[in-house]
Amino acid sequence: MAWRKKNLSLTAEQRERGVVFSSALCRKGESERDTIHEVIPAENDDWRATIERLKDVRFFKNMARDFGWDVVEIVRS
């Protein structure tokens, strides 16, 4: 099992749409687009709490370890 984290900037397209944070957990063969979660304050009154929940990946790390998955965590802000 391997868990890697990539911290990247938001794309220009995301910034244009008002995204302030996005994250994706990708297994081998999956792309960021397959599993992305985006936070847009204009659509979410509790957007700060949503970001904190998305940052808490303990459950997913444990699952990846238990199943022997290789995962890349991609965080954009």
N, C-alpha and C. Protein backbone atom coordinates (compact mmCIF):
# COMPACT_ATOMS: atom_id res chain seq x y z
N MET A 1 0.83 -1.19 0.00
CA MET A 1 0.00 0.00 0.00
C MET A 1 0.87 1.24 0.00
N ALA A 2 0.52 2.17 -0.82
CA ALA A 2 1.22 3.46 -0.85
C ALA A 2 0.18 4.57 -0.86
N TRP A 3 0.45 5.60 -0.09
CA TRP A 3 -0.42 6.78 -0.06
C TRP A 3 0.46 7.98 -0.35
N ARG A 4 0.15 8.66 -1.43
CA ARG A 4 0.90 9.85 -1.79
C ARG A 4 -0.06 11.04 -1.82
N LYS A 5 0.46 12.19 -1.46
CA LYS A 5 -0.37 13.39 -1.46
C LYS A 5 0.27 14.43 -2.37
N LYS A 6 -0.55 15.00 -3.25
CA LYS A 6 -0.11 16.09 -4.13
C LYS A 6 -0.89 17.35 -3.76
N ASN A 7 -0.18 18.40 -3.42
CA ASN A 7 -0.79 19.71 -3.16
C ASN A 7 -0.57 20.57 -4.40
N LEU A 8 -1.65 20.95 -5.05
CA LEU A 8 -1.58 21.71 -6.28
C LEU A 8 -2.42 22.98 -6.17
N SER A 9 -2.19 23.88 -7.09
CA SER A 9 -3.03 25.08 -7.18
C SER A 9 -4.32 24.74 -7.90
N LEU A 10 -5.35 25.51 -7.61
CA LEU A 10 -6.60 25.37 -8.37
C LEU A 10 -6.32 25.68 -9.83
N THR A 11 -7.06 25.03 -10.71
CA THR A 11 -6.91 25.33 -12.14
C THR A 11 -7.60 26.67 -12.43
N ALA A 12 -7.25 27.26 -13.55
CA ALA A 12 -7.88 28.53 -13.95
C ALA A 12 -9.38 28.34 -14.10
N GLU A 13 -9.80 27.21 -14.64
CA GLU A 13 -11.23 26.93 -14.81
C GLU A 13 -11.94 26.83 -13.47
N GLN A 14 -11.31 26.21 -12.48
CA GLN A 14 -11.91 26.12 -11.14
C GLN A 14 -12.05 27.51 -10.53
N ARG A 15 -11.01 28.31 -10.61
CA ARG A 15 -11.07 29.67 -10.06
C ARG A 15 -12.19 30.47 -10.71
N GLU A 16 -12.36 30.34 -12.02
CA GLU A 16 -13.43 31.05 -12.73
C GLU A 16 -14.81 30.65 -12.21
N ARG A 17 -14.97 29.38 -11.83
CA ARG A 17 -16.26 28.89 -11.34
C ARG A 17 -16.45 29.17 -9.84
N GLY A 18 -15.45 29.74 -9.15
CA GLY A 18 -15.59 30.08 -7.75
C GLY A 18 -15.18 28.98 -6.79
N VAL A 19 -14.51 27.95 -7.28
CA VAL A 19 -14.03 26.86 -6.41
C VAL A 19 -12.92 27.41 -5.52
N VAL A 20 -12.96 27.08 -4.21
CA VAL A 20 -11.90 27.52 -3.30
C VAL A 20 -11.06 26.33 -2.80
N PHE A 21 -11.57 25.11 -2.99
CA PHE A 21 -10.86 23.91 -2.53
C PHE A 21 -11.40 22.72 -3.31
N SER A 22 -10.51 21.81 -3.67
CA SER A 22 -10.95 20.55 -4.25
C SER A 22 -10.03 19.44 -3.78
N SER A 23 -10.59 18.25 -3.73
CA SER A 23 -9.77 17.10 -3.37
C SER A 23 -10.28 15.88 -4.12
N ALA A 24 -9.36 14.95 -4.32
CA ALA A 24 -9.70 13.70 -4.99
C ALA A 24 -8.80 12.60 -4.45
N LEU A 25 -9.37 11.42 -4.27
CA LEU A 25 -8.61 10.24 -3.91
C LEU A 25 -8.65 9.32 -5.13
N CYS A 26 -7.50 9.07 -5.70
CA CYS A 26 -7.43 8.31 -6.95
C CYS A 26 -6.65 7.02 -6.75
N ARG A 27 -7.30 5.91 -7.10
CA ARG A 27 -6.61 4.64 -7.14
C ARG A 27 -6.01 4.47 -8.52
N LYS A 28 -5.17 3.48 -8.66
CA LYS A 28 -4.53 3.22 -9.95
C LYS A 28 -5.59 3.09 -11.04
N GLY A 29 -5.38 3.80 -12.13
CA GLY A 29 -6.31 3.76 -13.25
C GLY A 29 -7.41 4.81 -13.19
N GLU A 30 -7.54 5.49 -12.07
CA GLU A 30 -8.56 6.54 -11.95
C GLU A 30 -7.89 7.90 -12.16
N SER A 31 -8.67 8.84 -12.66
CA SER A 31 -8.15 10.19 -12.81
C SER A 31 -8.79 11.09 -11.75
N GLU A 32 -8.23 12.24 -11.60
CA GLU A 32 -8.77 13.22 -10.65
C GLU A 32 -10.23 13.54 -10.97
N ARG A 33 -10.55 13.62 -12.23
CA ARG A 33 -11.93 13.93 -12.65
C ARG A 33 -12.93 12.87 -12.21
N ASP A 34 -12.47 11.63 -12.03
CA ASP A 34 -13.36 10.53 -11.63
C ASP A 34 -13.86 10.67 -10.19
N THR A 35 -13.05 11.29 -9.32
CA THR A 35 -13.36 11.28 -7.89
C THR A 35 -13.30 12.65 -7.22
N ILE A 36 -13.34 13.71 -7.99
CA ILE A 36 -13.13 15.06 -7.44
C ILE A 36 -14.33 15.55 -6.61
N HIS A 37 -13.99 16.26 -5.54
CA HIS A 37 -14.98 16.95 -4.71
C HIS A 37 -14.55 18.42 -4.69
N GLU A 38 -15.45 19.29 -5.07
CA GLU A 38 -15.13 20.71 -5.12
C GLU A 38 -15.99 21.48 -4.13
N VAL A 39 -15.39 22.52 -3.55
CA VAL A 39 -16.10 23.38 -2.60
C VAL A 39 -16.23 24.77 -3.23
N ILE A 40 -17.49 25.20 -3.36
CA ILE A 40 -17.81 26.51 -3.92
C ILE A 40 -18.65 27.25 -2.88
N PRO A 41 -18.09 28.28 -2.23
CA PRO A 41 -18.82 28.98 -1.17
C PRO A 41 -20.20 29.47 -1.57
N ALA A 42 -20.38 29.91 -2.80
CA ALA A 42 -21.69 30.42 -3.24
C ALA A 42 -22.76 29.33 -3.23
N GLU A 43 -22.34 28.06 -3.24
CA GLU A 43 -23.28 26.94 -3.26
C GLU A 43 -23.35 26.20 -1.92
N ASN A 44 -22.56 26.63 -0.94
CA ASN A 44 -22.44 25.88 0.31
C ASN A 44 -22.24 26.86 1.47
N ASP A 45 -23.29 27.07 2.28
CA ASP A 45 -23.18 28.00 3.41
C ASP A 45 -22.17 27.55 4.44
N ASP A 46 -21.96 26.26 4.56
CA ASP A 46 -21.05 25.69 5.55
C ASP A 46 -19.76 25.22 4.89
N TRP A 47 -19.24 26.02 3.95
CA TRP A 47 -18.12 25.58 3.12
C TRP A 47 -16.84 25.35 3.91
N ARG A 48 -16.61 26.11 4.97
CA ARG A 48 -15.38 25.89 5.76
C ARG A 48 -15.40 24.52 6.44
N ALA A 49 -16.54 24.14 6.98
CA ALA A 49 -16.68 22.82 7.61
C ALA A 49 -16.55 21.71 6.57
N THR A 50 -17.06 21.95 5.38
CA THR A 50 -16.94 20.97 4.30
C THR A 50 -15.47 20.74 3.95
N ILE A 51 -14.71 21.80 3.89
CA ILE A 51 -13.27 21.67 3.61
C ILE A 51 -12.60 20.84 4.71
N GLU A 52 -12.91 21.12 5.96
CA GLU A 52 -12.31 20.36 7.06
C GLU A 52 -12.66 18.88 6.97
N ARG A 53 -13.90 18.57 6.61
CA ARG A 53 -14.29 17.16 6.45
C ARG A 53 -13.53 16.51 5.31
N LEU A 54 -13.34 17.21 4.21
CA LEU A 54 -12.62 16.65 3.08
C LEU A 54 -11.13 16.44 3.40
N LYS A 55 -10.59 17.25 4.28
CA LYS A 55 -9.19 17.10 4.67
C LYS A 55 -8.96 15.90 5.59
N ASP A 56 -10.00 15.45 6.26
CA ASP A 56 -9.87 14.32 7.20
C ASP A 56 -9.99 13.01 6.42
N VAL A 57 -8.86 12.45 6.06
CA VAL A 57 -8.85 11.24 5.23
C VAL A 57 -8.47 9.98 6.02
N ARG A 58 -8.51 10.04 7.34
CA ARG A 58 -8.10 8.88 8.16
C ARG A 58 -8.86 7.62 7.77
N PHE A 59 -10.18 7.72 7.62
CA PHE A 59 -10.98 6.56 7.26
C PHE A 59 -10.48 5.93 5.96
N PHE A 60 -10.22 6.78 4.96
CA PHE A 60 -9.81 6.28 3.66
C PHE A 60 -8.39 5.72 3.69
N LYS A 61 -7.51 6.33 4.50
CA LYS A 61 -6.17 5.77 4.64
C LYS A 61 -6.22 4.38 5.26
N ASN A 62 -7.06 4.22 6.26
CA ASN A 62 -7.20 2.90 6.89
C ASN A 62 -7.76 1.89 5.89
N MET A 63 -8.75 2.28 5.11
CA MET A 63 -9.33 1.37 4.12
C MET A 63 -8.27 1.00 3.08
N ALA A 64 -7.50 1.98 2.62
CA ALA A 64 -6.46 1.70 1.63
C ALA A 64 -5.43 0.73 2.20
N ARG A 65 -5.07 0.92 3.45
CA ARG A 65 -4.11 0.02 4.09
C ARG A 65 -4.69 -1.39 4.18
N ASP A 66 -5.94 -1.50 4.62
CA ASP A 66 -6.57 -2.81 4.79
C ASP A 66 -6.70 -3.57 3.48
N PHE A 67 -6.96 -2.86 2.38
CA PHE A 67 -7.16 -3.51 1.09
C PHE A 67 -5.90 -3.50 0.21
N GLY A 68 -4.83 -2.88 0.72
CA GLY A 68 -3.58 -2.85 -0.04
C GLY A 68 -3.63 -1.98 -1.28
N TRP A 69 -4.42 -0.92 -1.24
CA TRP A 69 -4.57 -0.04 -2.39
C TRP A 69 -3.46 1.00 -2.44
N ASP A 70 -3.09 1.37 -3.64
CA ASP A 70 -2.21 2.52 -3.86
C ASP A 70 -3.12 3.70 -4.17
N VAL A 71 -2.95 4.79 -3.44
CA VAL A 71 -3.84 5.93 -3.57
C VAL A 71 -3.02 7.22 -3.70
N VAL A 72 -3.48 8.09 -4.56
CA VAL A 72 -2.92 9.43 -4.67
C VAL A 72 -4.01 10.40 -4.21
N GLU A 73 -3.69 11.18 -3.19
CA GLU A 73 -4.60 12.22 -2.69
C GLU A 73 -4.21 13.52 -3.36
N ILE A 74 -5.11 14.11 -4.11
CA ILE A 74 -4.83 15.37 -4.81
C ILE A 74 -5.66 16.47 -4.16
N VAL A 75 -4.97 17.47 -3.62
CA VAL A 75 -5.62 18.60 -2.95
C VAL A 75 -5.26 19.87 -3.71
N ARG A 76 -6.28 20.63 -4.06
CA ARG A 76 -6.06 21.91 -4.75
C ARG A 76 -6.70 23.03 -3.93
N SER A 77 -5.94 24.09 -3.74
CA SER A 77 -6.48 25.27 -3.04
C SER A 77 -5.72 26.51 -3.47
